[in-house]
Amino acid sequence: MYPCSGFVILNYKDEIAVVTTPKGYCSFPKGKLHAEEKYIETAYRETQEETGILKGDIDVIDGVTFEEKSKKGNPSVIYFIGKLN
């Protein structure tokens, strides 16, 4: 189980959307799951909160995800891949 999910979003020029963390690092938009929330719902919610990009503006590439692991090797984030429409 992943505690977080997010999106890797590309625009029509294949540029990738990134956000700046409070510590000044670049990251893909992501965040923690709320109770009973599905991974994809979290990814959409966090993306809108962090970038203003709406769910309807993202075309998800079905079946394509990747995971980020913690320093201890545990799953920490599942990322969905999407393109702006």
N, C-alpha and C. Protein backbone atom coordinates (compact mmCIF):
# COMPACT_ATOMS: atom_id res chain seq x y z
N MET A 1 0.84 -1.19 0.00
CA MET A 1 0.00 0.00 0.00
C MET A 1 0.88 1.25 0.00
N TYR A 2 0.47 2.21 -0.78
CA TYR A 2 1.20 3.47 -0.87
C TYR A 2 0.51 4.51 0.02
N PRO A 3 1.25 5.25 0.83
CA PRO A 3 0.62 6.30 1.63
C PRO A 3 0.30 7.55 0.83
N CYS A 4 0.88 7.70 -0.36
CA CYS A 4 0.71 8.90 -1.18
C CYS A 4 0.52 8.53 -2.65
N SER A 5 -0.09 9.46 -3.39
CA SER A 5 -0.15 9.29 -4.84
C SER A 5 -0.08 10.66 -5.49
N GLY A 6 0.23 10.64 -6.80
CA GLY A 6 0.39 11.89 -7.52
C GLY A 6 0.37 11.68 -9.01
N PHE A 7 0.74 12.75 -9.72
CA PHE A 7 0.73 12.74 -11.18
C PHE A 7 2.06 13.21 -11.74
N VAL A 8 2.44 12.62 -12.85
CA VAL A 8 3.44 13.18 -13.74
C VAL A 8 2.62 13.65 -14.94
N ILE A 9 2.62 14.97 -15.17
CA ILE A 9 1.76 15.55 -16.20
C ILE A 9 2.62 16.22 -17.26
N LEU A 10 2.31 15.88 -18.51
CA LEU A 10 3.01 16.49 -19.64
C LEU A 10 2.05 17.39 -20.39
N ASN A 11 2.58 18.50 -20.94
CA ASN A 11 1.75 19.37 -21.77
C ASN A 11 1.96 19.00 -23.23
N TYR A 12 1.39 19.78 -24.13
CA TYR A 12 1.48 19.46 -25.56
C TYR A 12 2.91 19.53 -26.10
N LYS A 13 3.83 20.21 -25.37
CA LYS A 13 5.24 20.26 -25.77
C LYS A 13 6.06 19.19 -25.06
N ASP A 14 5.38 18.29 -24.35
CA ASP A 14 6.00 17.25 -23.54
C ASP A 14 6.87 17.83 -22.42
N GLU A 15 6.50 19.03 -21.93
CA GLU A 15 7.12 19.60 -20.75
C GLU A 15 6.40 19.02 -19.53
N ILE A 16 7.12 18.82 -18.45
CA ILE A 16 6.57 18.17 -17.27
C ILE A 16 6.25 19.20 -16.19
N ALA A 17 5.08 19.04 -15.56
CA ALA A 17 4.67 19.93 -14.47
C ALA A 17 5.37 19.50 -13.18
N VAL A 18 6.02 20.44 -12.53
CA VAL A 18 6.65 20.18 -11.23
C VAL A 18 6.23 21.29 -10.26
N VAL A 19 6.33 20.98 -8.99
CA VAL A 19 6.05 21.95 -7.93
C VAL A 19 7.29 22.06 -7.05
N THR A 20 7.36 23.14 -6.30
CA THR A 20 8.48 23.34 -5.37
C THR A 20 8.00 23.01 -3.97
N THR A 21 8.73 22.16 -3.26
CA THR A 21 8.38 21.79 -1.90
C THR A 21 8.76 22.91 -0.93
N PRO A 22 8.24 22.85 0.30
CA PRO A 22 8.62 23.86 1.29
C PRO A 22 10.13 23.94 1.55
N LYS A 23 10.83 22.83 1.31
CA LYS A 23 12.29 22.82 1.50
C LYS A 23 13.04 23.30 0.26
N GLY A 24 12.29 23.67 -0.81
CA GLY A 24 12.92 24.19 -2.01
C GLY A 24 13.27 23.15 -3.06
N TYR A 25 12.84 21.91 -2.88
CA TYR A 25 13.09 20.86 -3.87
C TYR A 25 12.00 20.85 -4.93
N CYS A 26 12.32 20.35 -6.10
CA CYS A 26 11.32 20.15 -7.14
C CYS A 26 10.72 18.76 -6.99
N SER A 27 9.43 18.65 -7.23
CA SER A 27 8.72 17.39 -7.08
C SER A 27 7.54 17.36 -8.04
N PHE A 28 7.04 16.17 -8.30
CA PHE A 28 5.78 16.05 -9.01
C PHE A 28 4.67 16.31 -7.99
N PRO A 29 3.52 16.82 -8.42
CA PRO A 29 2.43 17.03 -7.47
C PRO A 29 1.99 15.69 -6.87
N LYS A 30 1.91 15.66 -5.54
CA LYS A 30 1.54 14.42 -4.85
C LYS A 30 1.09 14.76 -3.44
N GLY A 31 0.47 13.79 -2.78
CA GLY A 31 0.06 14.00 -1.40
C GLY A 31 -0.51 12.74 -0.78
N LYS A 32 -0.85 12.86 0.49
CA LYS A 32 -1.34 11.72 1.28
C LYS A 32 -2.80 11.42 0.97
N LEU A 33 -3.11 10.12 1.01
CA LEU A 33 -4.48 9.68 0.82
C LEU A 33 -5.32 10.07 2.02
N HIS A 34 -6.57 10.46 1.75
CA HIS A 34 -7.56 10.66 2.80
C HIS A 34 -8.28 9.32 3.00
N ALA A 35 -8.94 9.17 4.13
CA ALA A 35 -9.66 7.92 4.42
C ALA A 35 -10.63 7.59 3.29
N GLU A 36 -10.62 6.33 2.88
CA GLU A 36 -11.52 5.81 1.84
C GLU A 36 -11.29 6.39 0.45
N GLU A 37 -10.23 7.13 0.26
CA GLU A 37 -9.94 7.74 -1.03
C GLU A 37 -9.12 6.76 -1.88
N LYS A 38 -9.42 6.70 -3.17
CA LYS A 38 -8.65 5.87 -4.10
C LYS A 38 -7.41 6.64 -4.53
N TYR A 39 -6.40 5.90 -4.97
CA TYR A 39 -5.14 6.52 -5.38
C TYR A 39 -5.34 7.60 -6.44
N ILE A 40 -6.14 7.29 -7.45
CA ILE A 40 -6.34 8.24 -8.54
C ILE A 40 -7.06 9.50 -8.04
N GLU A 41 -7.99 9.33 -7.10
CA GLU A 41 -8.70 10.49 -6.54
C GLU A 41 -7.72 11.41 -5.80
N THR A 42 -6.81 10.80 -5.04
CA THR A 42 -5.79 11.58 -4.34
C THR A 42 -4.91 12.33 -5.33
N ALA A 43 -4.51 11.65 -6.38
CA ALA A 43 -3.65 12.27 -7.39
C ALA A 43 -4.32 13.48 -8.01
N TYR A 44 -5.60 13.35 -8.37
CA TYR A 44 -6.33 14.49 -8.94
C TYR A 44 -6.45 15.62 -7.92
N ARG A 45 -6.84 15.30 -6.70
CA ARG A 45 -7.05 16.32 -5.67
C ARG A 45 -5.76 17.08 -5.38
N GLU A 46 -4.68 16.34 -5.17
CA GLU A 46 -3.41 16.98 -4.85
C GLU A 46 -2.88 17.81 -6.02
N THR A 47 -3.08 17.32 -7.23
CA THR A 47 -2.64 18.07 -8.41
C THR A 47 -3.39 19.40 -8.50
N GLN A 48 -4.69 19.37 -8.27
CA GLN A 48 -5.45 20.61 -8.31
C GLN A 48 -5.01 21.56 -7.19
N GLU A 49 -4.82 21.02 -5.98
CA GLU A 49 -4.39 21.86 -4.86
C GLU A 49 -3.03 22.51 -5.10
N GLU A 50 -2.11 21.76 -5.68
CA GLU A 50 -0.74 22.23 -5.83
C GLU A 50 -0.46 22.98 -7.12
N THR A 51 -1.27 22.74 -8.16
CA THR A 51 -0.99 23.38 -9.46
C THR A 51 -2.16 24.16 -10.04
N GLY A 52 -3.37 23.87 -9.59
CA GLY A 52 -4.56 24.48 -10.18
C GLY A 52 -5.07 23.73 -11.40
N ILE A 53 -4.38 22.67 -11.82
CA ILE A 53 -4.82 21.87 -12.97
C ILE A 53 -6.01 21.02 -12.53
N LEU A 54 -7.10 21.10 -13.28
CA LEU A 54 -8.32 20.38 -12.95
C LEU A 54 -8.34 18.97 -13.51
N LYS A 55 -9.12 18.11 -12.86
CA LYS A 55 -9.26 16.72 -13.29
C LYS A 55 -9.63 16.62 -14.77
N GLY A 56 -10.57 17.45 -15.21
CA GLY A 56 -11.02 17.41 -16.60
C GLY A 56 -9.98 17.84 -17.61
N ASP A 57 -8.89 18.43 -17.15
CA ASP A 57 -7.82 18.88 -18.04
C ASP A 57 -6.74 17.82 -18.25
N ILE A 58 -6.88 16.67 -17.56
CA ILE A 58 -5.85 15.63 -17.60
C ILE A 58 -6.39 14.38 -18.28
N ASP A 59 -5.70 13.92 -19.31
CA ASP A 59 -5.99 12.62 -19.93
C ASP A 59 -5.00 11.61 -19.35
N VAL A 60 -5.51 10.68 -18.57
CA VAL A 60 -4.65 9.67 -17.94
C VAL A 60 -4.24 8.64 -18.97
N ILE A 61 -2.98 8.28 -18.97
CA ILE A 61 -2.48 7.20 -19.83
C ILE A 61 -2.73 5.91 -19.07
N ASP A 62 -3.73 5.15 -19.49
CA ASP A 62 -4.17 3.95 -18.79
C ASP A 62 -3.07 2.91 -18.68
N GLY A 63 -2.98 2.32 -17.50
CA GLY A 63 -2.07 1.21 -17.27
C GLY A 63 -0.61 1.60 -17.07
N VAL A 64 -0.32 2.91 -17.03
CA VAL A 64 1.07 3.34 -16.87
C VAL A 64 1.20 4.08 -15.54
N THR A 65 1.95 3.50 -14.62
CA THR A 65 2.24 4.12 -13.33
C THR A 65 3.70 3.83 -12.99
N PHE A 66 4.22 4.57 -12.04
CA PHE A 66 5.51 4.18 -11.48
C PHE A 66 5.50 4.52 -10.00
N GLU A 67 6.37 3.86 -9.27
CA GLU A 67 6.40 4.06 -7.83
C GLU A 67 7.70 4.68 -7.37
N GLU A 68 7.59 5.42 -6.29
CA GLU A 68 8.75 5.98 -5.62
C GLU A 68 8.87 5.23 -4.30
N LYS A 69 10.06 4.86 -3.94
CA LYS A 69 10.27 4.14 -2.69
C LYS A 69 10.99 5.03 -1.68
N SER A 70 10.77 4.72 -0.42
CA SER A 70 11.44 5.46 0.65
C SER A 70 12.91 5.03 0.72
N LYS A 71 13.68 5.71 1.53
CA LYS A 71 15.09 5.36 1.70
C LYS A 71 15.25 3.95 2.24
N LYS A 72 14.23 3.45 2.95
CA LYS A 72 14.25 2.09 3.49
C LYS A 72 13.76 1.06 2.48
N GLY A 73 13.34 1.53 1.30
CA GLY A 73 12.90 0.62 0.25
C GLY A 73 11.42 0.30 0.27
N ASN A 74 10.66 1.00 1.10
CA ASN A 74 9.22 0.77 1.17
C ASN A 74 8.50 1.63 0.13
N PRO A 75 7.39 1.12 -0.43
CA PRO A 75 6.62 1.95 -1.37
C PRO A 75 6.15 3.22 -0.68
N SER A 76 6.35 4.39 -1.31
CA SER A 76 5.92 5.63 -0.68
C SER A 76 4.95 6.44 -1.54
N VAL A 77 5.09 6.39 -2.87
CA VAL A 77 4.20 7.14 -3.76
C VAL A 77 3.95 6.33 -5.01
N ILE A 78 2.70 6.31 -5.46
CA ILE A 78 2.38 5.78 -6.78
C ILE A 78 2.02 6.98 -7.65
N TYR A 79 2.65 7.07 -8.81
CA TYR A 79 2.41 8.17 -9.74
C TYR A 79 1.65 7.66 -10.95
N PHE A 80 0.65 8.42 -11.35
CA PHE A 80 -0.07 8.19 -12.60
C PHE A 80 0.54 9.13 -13.64
N ILE A 81 0.43 8.77 -14.89
CA ILE A 81 0.96 9.59 -15.98
C ILE A 81 -0.21 10.18 -16.74
N GLY A 82 -0.13 11.48 -17.03
CA GLY A 82 -1.21 12.13 -17.74
C GLY A 82 -0.70 13.20 -18.69
N LYS A 83 -1.54 13.54 -19.66
CA LYS A 83 -1.24 14.61 -20.59
C LYS A 83 -2.35 15.65 -20.49
N LEU A 84 -1.97 16.93 -20.58
CA LEU A 84 -2.98 17.98 -20.61
C LEU A 84 -3.72 17.92 -21.93
N ASN A 85 -5.03 18.09 -21.86
CA ASN A 85 -5.82 18.03 -23.10
C ASN A 85 -6.18 19.44 -23.57
